[in-house]
């Protein structure tokens, strides 16, 4: 029986419109698309989730952006979390699970800025614990990060259900013995999957 549900943050508990952010920081659509591709779409972005200092990541961004976008890249790193918005349906589900006695956890590839926006996550008050990549110096889908979650909070893998928007992360969770569901903003499907595991959430 499922006793614990673990949620990812970006693309699950919180949505992120990177395009809107980049358009707000640039003067034309071409520059917005370039800024988006060379920051959020660049491998250097993941370095933040590994705990690499923001100054080093900014230097990397600026090295492959034209000079005119250097200030925009710096502003992006300062303010990107302002464009995160709560995913209402799944936060409502997390609150419902907590009210049923199901423990709610977070497992996320994220940067230190997590603590700037965590209180804007509607489900945050009911979260029993977090495993965050920048603190662990590990990224999903490395199996070790799932093992740390289970060990640190004393969770049994067969009693734990993981929700993420990346199929590789779900497959890694299942390899570690957890149940899981790939979330693509289909709350009806997610609720049905939980009911199939014996969690009597609303349809």
C-alpha atoms as a PDB file:
ATOM      1  CA  UNK A   1       0.000   0.000   0.000  1.00  0.00           C
ATOM      2  CA  UNK A   2       1.201   3.484  -0.839  1.00  0.00           C
ATOM      3  CA  UNK A   3       2.069   5.564   2.228  1.00  0.00           C
ATOM      4  CA  UNK A   4       4.291   8.192   0.629  1.00  0.00           C
ATOM      5  CA  UNK A   5       3.998  10.300  -2.518  1.00  0.00           C
ATOM      6  CA  UNK A   6       7.089  12.121  -3.756  1.00  0.00           C
ATOM      7  CA  UNK A   7       6.767  15.043  -6.150  1.00  0.00           C
ATOM      8  CA  UNK A   8       9.195  16.733  -8.504  1.00  0.00           C
ATOM      9  CA  UNK A   9       8.994  20.538  -8.567  1.00  0.00           C
ATOM     10  CA  UNK A  10       9.619  22.002 -12.039  1.00  0.00           C
ATOM     11  CA  UNK A  11       6.949  20.833 -14.471  1.00  0.00           C
ATOM     12  CA  UNK A  12       5.002  19.213 -11.637  1.00  0.00           C
ATOM     13  CA  UNK A  13       4.320  21.321  -8.528  1.00  0.00           C
ATOM     14  CA  UNK A  14       5.455  24.481 -10.327  1.00  0.00           C
ATOM     15  CA  UNK A  15       5.225  25.440 -14.010  1.00  0.00           C
ATOM     16  CA  UNK A  16       7.876  27.537 -15.698  1.00  0.00           C
ATOM     17  CA  UNK A  17       7.373  29.631 -18.842  1.00  0.00           C
ATOM     18  CA  UNK A  18      10.969  30.297 -19.853  1.00  0.00           C
ATOM     19  CA  UNK A  19       9.844  31.954 -23.077  1.00  0.00           C
ATOM     20  CA  UNK A  20       7.827  34.591 -21.227  1.00  0.00           C
ATOM     21  CA  UNK A  21      10.794  35.355 -19.001  1.00  0.00           C
ATOM     22  CA  UNK A  22      13.160  35.734 -21.943  1.00  0.00           C
ATOM     23  CA  UNK A  23      10.712  37.960 -23.795  1.00  0.00           C
ATOM     24  CA  UNK A  24      10.439  40.190 -20.722  1.00  0.00           C
ATOM     25  CA  UNK A  25      14.212  40.654 -20.650  1.00  0.00           C
ATOM     26  CA  UNK A  26      14.824  41.313 -24.358  1.00  0.00           C
ATOM     27  CA  UNK A  27      13.641  43.706 -27.024  1.00  0.00           C
ATOM     28  CA  UNK A  28      12.674  41.343 -29.833  1.00  0.00           C
ATOM     29  CA  UNK A  29      11.578  37.761 -30.401  1.00  0.00           C
ATOM     30  CA  UNK A  30      14.856  36.693 -32.019  1.00  0.00           C
ATOM     31  CA  UNK A  31      16.865  37.776 -28.976  1.00  0.00           C
ATOM     32  CA  UNK A  32      14.309  36.168 -26.658  1.00  0.00           C
ATOM     33  CA  UNK A  33      14.680  32.841 -28.464  1.00  0.00           C
ATOM     34  CA  UNK A  34      18.468  33.107 -28.438  1.00  0.00           C
ATOM     35  CA  UNK A  35      18.562  33.916 -24.716  1.00  0.00           C
ATOM     36  CA  UNK A  36      16.230  30.999 -23.976  1.00  0.00           C
ATOM     37  CA  UNK A  37      18.280  28.550 -26.056  1.00  0.00           C
ATOM     38  CA  UNK A  38      21.634  29.639 -24.631  1.00  0.00           C
ATOM     39  CA  UNK A  39      20.563  29.635 -20.977  1.00  0.00           C
ATOM     40  CA  UNK A  40      17.695  27.270 -20.180  1.00  0.00           C
ATOM     41  CA  UNK A  41      18.450  25.150 -23.241  1.00  0.00           C
ATOM     42  CA  UNK A  42      22.183  24.966 -22.575  1.00  0.00           C
ATOM     43  CA  UNK A  43      23.938  22.252 -20.503  1.00  0.00           C
ATOM     44  CA  UNK A  44      25.344  24.975 -18.218  1.00  0.00           C
ATOM     45  CA  UNK A  45      21.853  25.451 -16.748  1.00  0.00           C
ATOM     46  CA  UNK A  46      22.028  22.002 -15.142  1.00  0.00           C
ATOM     47  CA  UNK A  47      25.236  23.100 -13.399  1.00  0.00           C
ATOM     48  CA  UNK A  48      23.087  25.163 -11.021  1.00  0.00           C
ATOM     49  CA  UNK A  49      21.305  21.981  -9.973  1.00  0.00           C
ATOM     50  CA  UNK A  50      24.707  20.456  -9.200  1.00  0.00           C
ATOM     51  CA  UNK A  51      25.524  23.330  -6.864  1.00  0.00           C
ATOM     52  CA  UNK A  52      27.932  25.181  -9.179  1.00  0.00           C
ATOM     53  CA  UNK A  53      28.109  28.861  -8.077  1.00  0.00           C
ATOM     54  CA  UNK A  54      25.870  31.240  -9.980  1.00  0.00           C
ATOM     55  CA  UNK A  55      28.813  33.470 -10.900  1.00  0.00           C
ATOM     56  CA  UNK A  56      30.497  30.586 -12.729  1.00  0.00           C
ATOM     57  CA  UNK A  57      27.301  29.668 -14.556  1.00  0.00           C
ATOM     58  CA  UNK A  58      26.763  33.291 -15.622  1.00  0.00           C
ATOM     59  CA  UNK A  59      30.298  33.451 -17.000  1.00  0.00           C
ATOM     60  CA  UNK A  60      29.532  30.349 -19.035  1.00  0.00           C
ATOM     61  CA  UNK A  61      26.310  31.831 -20.399  1.00  0.00           C
ATOM     62  CA  UNK A  62      27.991  35.094 -21.329  1.00  0.00           C
ATOM     63  CA  UNK A  63      30.819  33.287 -23.105  1.00  0.00           C
ATOM     64  CA  UNK A  64      28.423  32.024 -25.764  1.00  0.00           C
ATOM     65  CA  UNK A  65      25.998  34.964 -25.889  1.00  0.00           C
ATOM     66  CA  UNK A  66      26.497  38.244 -27.778  1.00  0.00           C
ATOM     67  CA  UNK A  67      27.505  41.212 -25.638  1.00  0.00           C
ATOM     68  CA  UNK A  68      24.077  42.817 -26.015  1.00  0.00           C
ATOM     69  CA  UNK A  69      22.522  39.936 -24.045  1.00  0.00           C
ATOM     70  CA  UNK A  70      25.038  39.766 -21.186  1.00  0.00           C
ATOM     71  CA  UNK A  71      22.978  42.022 -18.921  1.00  0.00           C
ATOM     72  CA  UNK A  72      19.828  40.051 -19.758  1.00  0.00           C
ATOM     73  CA  UNK A  73      21.570  36.788 -18.801  1.00  0.00           C
ATOM     74  CA  UNK A  74      22.606  38.297 -15.454  1.00  0.00           C
ATOM     75  CA  UNK A  75      19.065  39.510 -14.806  1.00  0.00           C
ATOM     76  CA  UNK A  76      17.695  36.102 -15.793  1.00  0.00           C
ATOM     77  CA  UNK A  77      19.787  34.389 -13.136  1.00  0.00           C
ATOM     78  CA  UNK A  78      18.656  36.901 -10.522  1.00  0.00           C
ATOM     79  CA  UNK A  79      14.954  36.701 -11.279  1.00  0.00           C
ATOM     80  CA  UNK A  80      14.105  33.429 -13.065  1.00  0.00           C
ATOM     81  CA  UNK A  81      12.123  32.056 -10.129  1.00  0.00           C
ATOM     82  CA  UNK A  82       9.656  34.967 -10.406  1.00  0.00           C
ATOM     83  CA  UNK A  83       8.255  33.234 -13.501  1.00  0.00           C
ATOM     84  CA  UNK A  84       7.446  30.021 -11.653  1.00  0.00           C
ATOM     85  CA  UNK A  85       3.721  29.542 -11.120  1.00  0.00           C
ATOM     86  CA  UNK A  86       1.948  26.901  -9.022  1.00  0.00           C
ATOM     87  CA  UNK A  87       0.320  23.982 -10.817  1.00  0.00           C
ATOM     88  CA  UNK A  88      -3.025  24.200  -9.045  1.00  0.00           C
ATOM     89  CA  UNK A  89      -4.391  20.703  -9.738  1.00  0.00           C
ATOM     90  CA  UNK A  90      -1.381  18.775  -8.518  1.00  0.00           C
ATOM     91  CA  UNK A  91      -0.894  20.985  -5.465  1.00  0.00           C
ATOM     92  CA  UNK A  92      -4.532  20.342  -4.596  1.00  0.00           C
ATOM     93  CA  UNK A  93      -3.815  16.618  -4.936  1.00  0.00           C
ATOM     94  CA  UNK A  94      -0.810  16.892  -2.596  1.00  0.00           C
ATOM     95  CA  UNK A  95      -2.936  18.656   0.012  1.00  0.00           C
ATOM     96  CA  UNK A  96      -5.632  16.006  -0.374  1.00  0.00           C
ATOM     97  CA  UNK A  97      -3.061  13.235   0.114  1.00  0.00           C
ATOM     98  CA  UNK A  98      -1.779  14.861   3.286  1.00  0.00           C
ATOM     99  CA  UNK A  99      -5.319  15.110   4.653  1.00  0.00           C
ATOM    100  CA  UNK A 100      -5.676  11.361   4.021  1.00  0.00           C
ATOM    101  CA  UNK A 101      -2.537  10.612   6.026  1.00  0.00           C
ATOM    102  CA  UNK A 102      -0.300  10.018   2.999  1.00  0.00           C
ATOM    103  CA  UNK A 103       3.126  11.592   3.550  1.00  0.00           C
ATOM    104  CA  UNK A 104       4.231  14.128   0.939  1.00  0.00           C
ATOM    105  CA  UNK A 105       7.896  14.597  -0.062  1.00  0.00           C
ATOM    106  CA  UNK A 106       9.879  16.494  -2.698  1.00  0.00           C
ATOM    107  CA  UNK A 107      12.699  15.087  -4.832  1.00  0.00           C
ATOM    108  CA  UNK A 108      13.968  17.667  -7.298  1.00  0.00           C
ATOM    109  CA  UNK A 109      16.869  18.626  -9.507  1.00  0.00           C
ATOM    110  CA  UNK A 110      17.045  22.240  -8.427  1.00  0.00           C
ATOM    111  CA  UNK A 111      19.396  25.041  -7.439  1.00  0.00           C
ATOM    112  CA  UNK A 112      19.843  27.033  -4.187  1.00  0.00           C
ATOM    113  CA  UNK A 113      17.139  29.399  -5.455  1.00  0.00           C
ATOM    114  CA  UNK A 114      14.666  26.711  -4.380  1.00  0.00           C
ATOM    115  CA  UNK A 115      14.527  28.384  -0.998  1.00  0.00           C
ATOM    116  CA  UNK A 116      13.563  31.690  -2.633  1.00  0.00           C
ATOM    117  CA  UNK A 117      10.357  30.240  -4.047  1.00  0.00           C
ATOM    118  CA  UNK A 118       9.537  27.192  -1.913  1.00  0.00           C
ATOM    119  CA  UNK A 119       6.974  29.074   0.175  1.00  0.00           C
ATOM    120  CA  UNK A 120       5.065  29.869  -3.019  1.00  0.00           C
ATOM    121  CA  UNK A 121       4.410  26.157  -3.541  1.00  0.00           C
ATOM    122  CA  UNK A 122       0.865  25.694  -2.179  1.00  0.00           C
ATOM    123  CA  UNK A 123       1.697  22.198  -0.900  1.00  0.00           C
ATOM    124  CA  UNK A 124       4.893  23.336   0.845  1.00  0.00           C
ATOM    125  CA  UNK A 125       3.346  23.453   4.358  1.00  0.00           C
ATOM    126  CA  UNK A 126       2.550  19.717   4.210  1.00  0.00           C
ATOM    127  CA  UNK A 127       5.885  18.534   2.759  1.00  0.00           C
ATOM    128  CA  UNK A 128       7.560  16.198   5.253  1.00  0.00           C
ATOM    129  CA  UNK A 129      11.019  16.345   3.693  1.00  0.00           C
ATOM    130  CA  UNK A 130      13.054  17.235   0.607  1.00  0.00           C
ATOM    131  CA  UNK A 131      15.962  15.805  -1.298  1.00  0.00           C
ATOM    132  CA  UNK A 132      17.426  18.561  -3.497  1.00  0.00           C
ATOM    133  CA  UNK A 133      20.115  17.923  -6.086  1.00  0.00           C
ATOM    134  CA  UNK A 134      22.265  20.956  -5.329  1.00  0.00           C
ATOM    135  CA  UNK A 135      22.545  19.910  -1.689  1.00  0.00           C
ATOM    136  CA  UNK A 136      23.261  16.267  -2.481  1.00  0.00           C
ATOM    137  CA  UNK A 137      25.602  16.982  -5.440  1.00  0.00           C
ATOM    138  CA  UNK A 138      23.595  14.338  -7.293  1.00  0.00           C
ATOM    139  CA  UNK A 139      21.105  14.575 -10.127  1.00  0.00           C
ATOM    140  CA  UNK A 140      18.150  12.423 -11.065  1.00  0.00           C
ATOM    141  CA  UNK A 141      18.143   9.863 -12.628  1.00  0.00           C
ATOM    142  CA  UNK A 142      21.210   8.706 -10.638  1.00  0.00           C
ATOM    143  CA  UNK A 143      19.824   5.835  -8.514  1.00  0.00           C
ATOM    144  CA  UNK A 144      21.801   7.062  -5.504  1.00  0.00           C
ATOM    145  CA  UNK A 145      19.586  10.128  -5.092  1.00  0.00           C
ATOM    146  CA  UNK A 146      16.518   7.875  -4.771  1.00  0.00           C
ATOM    147  CA  UNK A 147      18.321   5.688  -2.266  1.00  0.00           C
ATOM    148  CA  UNK A 148      19.168   8.754  -0.201  1.00  0.00           C
ATOM    149  CA  UNK A 149      15.525   9.785  -0.174  1.00  0.00           C
ATOM    150  CA  UNK A 150      14.438   6.371   1.030  1.00  0.00           C
ATOM    151  CA  UNK A 151      17.204   6.097   3.618  1.00  0.00           C
ATOM    152  CA  UNK A 152      17.001   9.612   5.016  1.00  0.00           C
ATOM    153  CA  UNK A 153      13.264   9.504   5.635  1.00  0.00           C
ATOM    154  CA  UNK A 154      12.934   5.793   6.370  1.00  0.00           C
ATOM    155  CA  UNK A 155      10.664   5.103   3.409  1.00  0.00           C
ATOM    156  CA  UNK A 156       9.954   1.654   2.013  1.00  0.00           C
ATOM    157  CA  UNK A 157      10.280   1.749  -1.804  1.00  0.00           C
ATOM    158  CA  UNK A 158       7.193  -0.398  -2.354  1.00  0.00           C
ATOM    159  CA  UNK A 159       5.127   2.032  -0.255  1.00  0.00           C
ATOM    160  CA  UNK A 160       6.350   5.086  -2.178  1.00  0.00           C
ATOM    161  CA  UNK A 161       4.981   6.655  -5.369  1.00  0.00           C
ATOM    162  CA  UNK A 162       7.046   9.145  -7.403  1.00  0.00           C
ATOM    163  CA  UNK A 163       5.663  11.812  -9.751  1.00  0.00           C
ATOM    164  CA  UNK A 164       7.979  13.469 -12.302  1.00  0.00           C
ATOM    165  CA  UNK A 165       7.732  15.009 -15.764  1.00  0.00           C
ATOM    166  CA  UNK A 166      10.810  13.185 -17.107  1.00  0.00           C
ATOM    167  CA  UNK A 167      10.427   9.543 -18.123  1.00  0.00           C
ATOM    168  CA  UNK A 168      14.072   8.712 -17.337  1.00  0.00           C
ATOM    169  CA  UNK A 169      13.560   9.902 -13.776  1.00  0.00           C
ATOM    170  CA  UNK A 170      10.471   7.722 -13.454  1.00  0.00           C
ATOM    171  CA  UNK A 171      12.296   4.698 -14.863  1.00  0.00           C
ATOM    172  CA  UNK A 172      15.140   5.195 -12.383  1.00  0.00           C
ATOM    173  CA  UNK A 173      12.659   5.418  -9.526  1.00  0.00           C
ATOM    174  CA  UNK A 174      11.007   2.172 -10.630  1.00  0.00           C
ATOM    175  CA  UNK A 175      14.424   0.518 -10.913  1.00  0.00           C
ATOM    176  CA  UNK A 176      14.927   1.444  -7.246  1.00  0.00           C
ATOM    177  CA  UNK A 177      11.629  -0.224  -6.347  1.00  0.00           C
ATOM    178  CA  UNK A 178       9.304   2.777  -6.196  1.00  0.00           C
ATOM    179  CA  UNK A 179       6.008   3.074  -8.008  1.00  0.00           C
ATOM    180  CA  UNK A 180       5.781   6.029 -10.360  1.00  0.00           C
ATOM    181  CA  UNK A 181       3.856   8.051 -12.890  1.00  0.00           C
ATOM    182  CA  UNK A 182       5.064  10.322 -15.693  1.00  0.00           C
ATOM    183  CA  UNK A 183       3.148  13.578 -15.278  1.00  0.00           C
ATOM    184  CA  UNK A 184       2.138  15.539 -18.358  1.00  0.00           C
ATOM    185  CA  UNK A 185      -0.428  17.849 -16.778  1.00  0.00           C
ATOM    186  CA  UNK A 186      -3.028  15.092 -16.887  1.00  0.00           C
ATOM    187  CA  UNK A 187      -4.348  15.169 -13.333  1.00  0.00           C
ATOM    188  CA  UNK A 188      -7.173  12.739 -14.143  1.00  0.00           C
ATOM    189  CA  UNK A 189      -4.678  10.098 -15.248  1.00  0.00           C
ATOM    190  CA  UNK A 190      -2.455  10.682 -12.201  1.00  0.00           C
ATOM    191  CA  UNK A 191      -5.402  10.337  -9.832  1.00  0.00           C
ATOM    192  CA  UNK A 192      -6.446   7.134 -11.609  1.00  0.00           C
ATOM    193  CA  UNK A 193      -2.919   5.740 -11.253  1.00  0.00           C
ATOM    194  CA  UNK A 194      -2.940   6.463  -7.545  1.00  0.00           C
ATOM    195  CA  UNK A 195      -6.353   4.790  -7.145  1.00  0.00           C
ATOM    196  CA  UNK A 196      -4.964   1.758  -8.999  1.00  0.00           C
ATOM    197  CA  UNK A 197      -2.332   1.567  -6.238  1.00  0.00           C
ATOM    198  CA  UNK A 198      -5.005   1.665  -3.534  1.00  0.00           C
ATOM    199  CA  UNK A 199      -4.889   5.389  -2.723  1.00  0.00           C
ATOM    200  CA  UNK A 200      -8.507   6.464  -2.604  1.00  0.00           C
ATOM    201  CA  UNK A 201      -8.180   9.981  -3.963  1.00  0.00           C
ATOM    202  CA  UNK A 202     -11.100  11.660  -5.663  1.00  0.00           C
ATOM    203  CA  UNK A 203     -11.599  11.005  -9.403  1.00  0.00           C
END
